Amino acid sequence: MNDSQKTPKTSRRQTGGADNQPAPIEVLRQARAQLAELTGMNAEKVTSFEQAEDGWTLEIEVLELARVPDTMSLMASYQVDLDHQGQLTGYRRLRRYERGRSDAHRPGGR
């Protein structure tokens, strides 16, 4: 048995492939970490993720102001743009809201 038979093979998608692009899960991790470092706010979750022509576009929810009770905390949704290597190229706040409120202004929101 040679070394290539002993080593499990990973798909091009998992490793980023020959063109050195990170896997999608790594892009998510990098986006959350970079946004948190730049804004000083906790990136809680990614609510939207898509590959764009010039990289990646994500929507990330962050905790902007913690309050008691927690349902009154102020949250914000940010659009985050990254290049093909996962480096942040820009971000902007889309909206602010209290954690306990539903968003009736979005498509599909009721």
C-alpha atoms as a PDB file:
ATOM      1  CA  MET A   1       0.000   0.000   0.000  1.00  0.00           C
ATOM      2  CA  ASN A   2       1.502   3.352  -0.982  1.00  0.00           C
ATOM      3  CA  ASP A   3       1.063   6.736   0.734  1.00  0.00           C
ATOM      4  CA  SER A   4      -1.674   7.903  -1.651  1.00  0.00           C
ATOM      5  CA  GLN A   5      -3.819   4.915  -0.680  1.00  0.00           C
ATOM      6  CA  LYS A   6      -3.405   5.612   3.050  1.00  0.00           C
ATOM      7  CA  THR A   7      -4.329   9.289   2.915  1.00  0.00           C
ATOM      8  CA  PRO A   8      -8.046  10.145   2.616  1.00  0.00           C
ATOM      9  CA  LYS A   9      -8.794  12.319  -0.368  1.00  0.00           C
ATOM     10  CA  THR A  10     -10.663  15.571   0.025  1.00  0.00           C
ATOM     11  CA  SER A  11     -12.749  17.187  -2.634  1.00  0.00           C
ATOM     12  CA  ARG A  12     -11.665  20.318  -4.434  1.00  0.00           C
ATOM     13  CA  ARG A  13     -14.657  22.130  -2.854  1.00  0.00           C
ATOM     14  CA  GLN A  14     -13.473  21.400   0.699  1.00  0.00           C
ATOM     15  CA  THR A  15      -9.885  22.487   0.199  1.00  0.00           C
ATOM     16  CA  GLY A  16     -10.554  25.452  -2.034  1.00  0.00           C
ATOM     17  CA  GLY A  17      -9.187  23.797  -5.172  1.00  0.00           C
ATOM     18  CA  ALA A  18      -6.260  24.686  -7.342  1.00  0.00           C
ATOM     19  CA  ASP A  19      -7.144  28.371  -7.532  1.00  0.00           C
ATOM     20  CA  ASN A  20      -6.672  28.832  -3.738  1.00  0.00           C
ATOM     21  CA  GLN A  21     -10.239  29.952  -3.081  1.00  0.00           C
ATOM     22  CA  PRO A  22     -11.365  29.106   0.449  1.00  0.00           C
ATOM     23  CA  ALA A  23     -14.251  26.714   1.013  1.00  0.00           C
ATOM     24  CA  PRO A  24     -17.635  28.385   1.707  1.00  0.00           C
ATOM     25  CA  ILE A  25     -17.537  27.526   5.428  1.00  0.00           C
ATOM     26  CA  GLU A  26     -14.145  29.236   5.710  1.00  0.00           C
ATOM     27  CA  VAL A  27     -15.565  32.314   3.960  1.00  0.00           C
ATOM     28  CA  LEU A  28     -18.345  32.416   6.596  1.00  0.00           C
ATOM     29  CA  ARG A  29     -15.840  32.164   9.440  1.00  0.00           C
ATOM     30  CA  GLN A  30     -13.597  34.850   7.961  1.00  0.00           C
ATOM     31  CA  ALA A  31     -16.511  37.225   7.365  1.00  0.00           C
ATOM     32  CA  ARG A  32     -17.774  36.922  10.957  1.00  0.00           C
ATOM     33  CA  ALA A  33     -14.301  37.367  12.420  1.00  0.00           C
ATOM     34  CA  GLN A  34     -13.393  40.345  10.221  1.00  0.00           C
ATOM     35  CA  LEU A  35     -16.692  42.162  10.855  1.00  0.00           C
ATOM     36  CA  ALA A  36     -16.378  41.608  14.618  1.00  0.00           C
ATOM     37  CA  GLU A  37     -12.798  42.912  14.589  1.00  0.00           C
ATOM     38  CA  LEU A  38     -13.695  46.023  12.587  1.00  0.00           C
ATOM     39  CA  THR A  39     -16.871  46.953  14.456  1.00  0.00           C
ATOM     40  CA  GLY A  40     -16.081  45.608  17.930  1.00  0.00           C
ATOM     41  CA  MET A  41     -19.497  43.927  17.963  1.00  0.00           C
ATOM     42  CA  ASN A  42     -20.358  40.260  18.342  1.00  0.00           C
ATOM     43  CA  ALA A  43     -21.338  38.680  15.015  1.00  0.00           C
ATOM     44  CA  GLU A  44     -24.140  36.332  16.077  1.00  0.00           C
ATOM     45  CA  LYS A  45     -25.221  34.610  12.866  1.00  0.00           C
ATOM     46  CA  VAL A  46     -25.099  34.648   9.098  1.00  0.00           C
ATOM     47  CA  THR A  47     -28.601  34.988   7.659  1.00  0.00           C
ATOM     48  CA  SER A  48     -27.727  35.220   3.968  1.00  0.00           C
ATOM     49  CA  PHE A  49     -24.792  33.932   1.936  1.00  0.00           C
ATOM     50  CA  GLU A  50     -24.218  33.963  -1.812  1.00  0.00           C
ATOM     51  CA  GLN A  51     -21.387  33.945  -4.285  1.00  0.00           C
ATOM     52  CA  ALA A  52     -21.280  37.128  -6.328  1.00  0.00           C
ATOM     53  CA  GLU A  53     -19.460  37.917  -9.544  1.00  0.00           C
ATOM     54  CA  ASP A  54     -16.627  39.636  -7.689  1.00  0.00           C
ATOM     55  CA  GLY A  55     -16.553  37.503  -4.514  1.00  0.00           C
ATOM     56  CA  TRP A  56     -19.130  36.841  -1.806  1.00  0.00           C
ATOM     57  CA  THR A  57     -22.032  38.775  -0.264  1.00  0.00           C
ATOM     58  CA  LEU A  58     -23.318  37.930   3.208  1.00  0.00           C
ATOM     59  CA  GLU A  59     -25.853  39.322   5.629  1.00  0.00           C
ATOM     60  CA  ILE A  60     -24.728  39.034   9.246  1.00  0.00           C
ATOM     61  CA  GLU A  61     -26.667  39.834  12.417  1.00  0.00           C
ATOM     62  CA  VAL A  62     -24.752  41.492  15.230  1.00  0.00           C
ATOM     63  CA  LEU A  63     -25.557  42.493  18.785  1.00  0.00           C
ATOM     64  CA  GLU A  64     -25.194  46.293  18.879  1.00  0.00           C
ATOM     65  CA  LEU A  65     -26.433  47.005  22.407  1.00  0.00           C
ATOM     66  CA  ALA A  66     -27.138  44.458  25.126  1.00  0.00           C
ATOM     67  CA  ARG A  67     -30.135  45.237  27.332  1.00  0.00           C
ATOM     68  CA  VAL A  68     -32.107  43.555  30.088  1.00  0.00           C
ATOM     69  CA  PRO A  69     -34.270  41.721  29.325  1.00  0.00           C
ATOM     70  CA  ASP A  70     -32.399  40.247  26.367  1.00  0.00           C
ATOM     71  CA  THR A  71     -35.447  40.621  24.106  1.00  0.00           C
ATOM     72  CA  MET A  72     -34.938  44.398  24.288  1.00  0.00           C
ATOM     73  CA  SER A  73     -31.316  44.221  23.067  1.00  0.00           C
ATOM     74  CA  LEU A  74     -30.582  46.146  19.880  1.00  0.00           C
ATOM     75  CA  MET A  75     -29.577  44.004  16.929  1.00  0.00           C
ATOM     76  CA  ALA A  76     -28.398  45.055  13.492  1.00  0.00           C
ATOM     77  CA  SER A  77     -28.156  43.360  10.142  1.00  0.00           C
ATOM     78  CA  TYR A  78     -25.052  44.104   8.061  1.00  0.00           C
ATOM     79  CA  GLN A  79     -24.303  43.407   4.426  1.00  0.00           C
ATOM     80  CA  VAL A  80     -20.716  42.200   4.139  1.00  0.00           C
ATOM     81  CA  ASP A  81     -18.839  41.980   0.843  1.00  0.00           C
ATOM     82  CA  LEU A  82     -15.746  39.825   0.433  1.00  0.00           C
ATOM     83  CA  ASP A  83     -13.386  39.151  -2.446  1.00  0.00           C
ATOM     84  CA  HIS A  84     -12.823  35.639  -3.841  1.00  0.00           C
ATOM     85  CA  GLN A  85     -10.171  34.927  -1.192  1.00  0.00           C
ATOM     86  CA  GLY A  86     -12.555  35.809   1.657  1.00  0.00           C
ATOM     87  CA  GLN A  87     -11.065  39.201   2.534  1.00  0.00           C
ATOM     88  CA  LEU A  88     -13.590  41.841   3.553  1.00  0.00           C
ATOM     89  CA  THR A  89     -13.903  44.601   0.963  1.00  0.00           C
ATOM     90  CA  GLY A  90     -16.817  46.507   2.494  1.00  0.00           C
ATOM     91  CA  TYR A  91     -19.786  46.409   4.835  1.00  0.00           C
ATOM     92  CA  ARG A  92     -22.852  48.482   5.635  1.00  0.00           C
ATOM     93  CA  ARG A  93     -25.636  48.368   8.178  1.00  0.00           C
ATOM     94  CA  LEU A  94     -28.965  47.516   6.576  1.00  0.00           C
ATOM     95  CA  ARG A  95     -31.248  47.928   9.590  1.00  0.00           C
ATOM     96  CA  ARG A  96     -31.481  48.015  13.401  1.00  0.00           C
ATOM     97  CA  TYR A  97     -34.162  46.353  15.486  1.00  0.00           C
ATOM     98  CA  GLU A  98     -34.964  45.022  18.937  1.00  0.00           C
ATOM     99  CA  ARG A  99     -34.141  41.333  19.309  1.00  0.00           C
ATOM    100  CA  GLY A 100     -37.711  40.423  20.245  1.00  0.00           C
ATOM    101  CA  ARG A 101     -39.348  42.091  17.218  1.00  0.00           C
ATOM    102  CA  SER A 102     -40.237  40.344  14.000  1.00  0.00           C
ATOM    103  CA  ASP A 103     -39.332  42.063  10.751  1.00  0.00           C
ATOM    104  CA  ALA A 104     -42.547  42.767   8.825  1.00  0.00           C
ATOM    105  CA  HIS A 105     -40.782  44.957   6.259  1.00  0.00           C
ATOM    106  CA  ARG A 106     -38.871  42.147   4.544  1.00  0.00           C
ATOM    107  CA  PRO A 107     -40.309  40.132   1.671  1.00  0.00           C
ATOM    108  CA  GLY A 108     -42.204  37.186   3.080  1.00  0.00           C
ATOM    109  CA  GLY A 109     -42.401  38.739   6.559  1.00  0.00           C
ATOM    110  CA  ARG A 110     -45.877  38.714   8.046  1.00  0.00           C
END
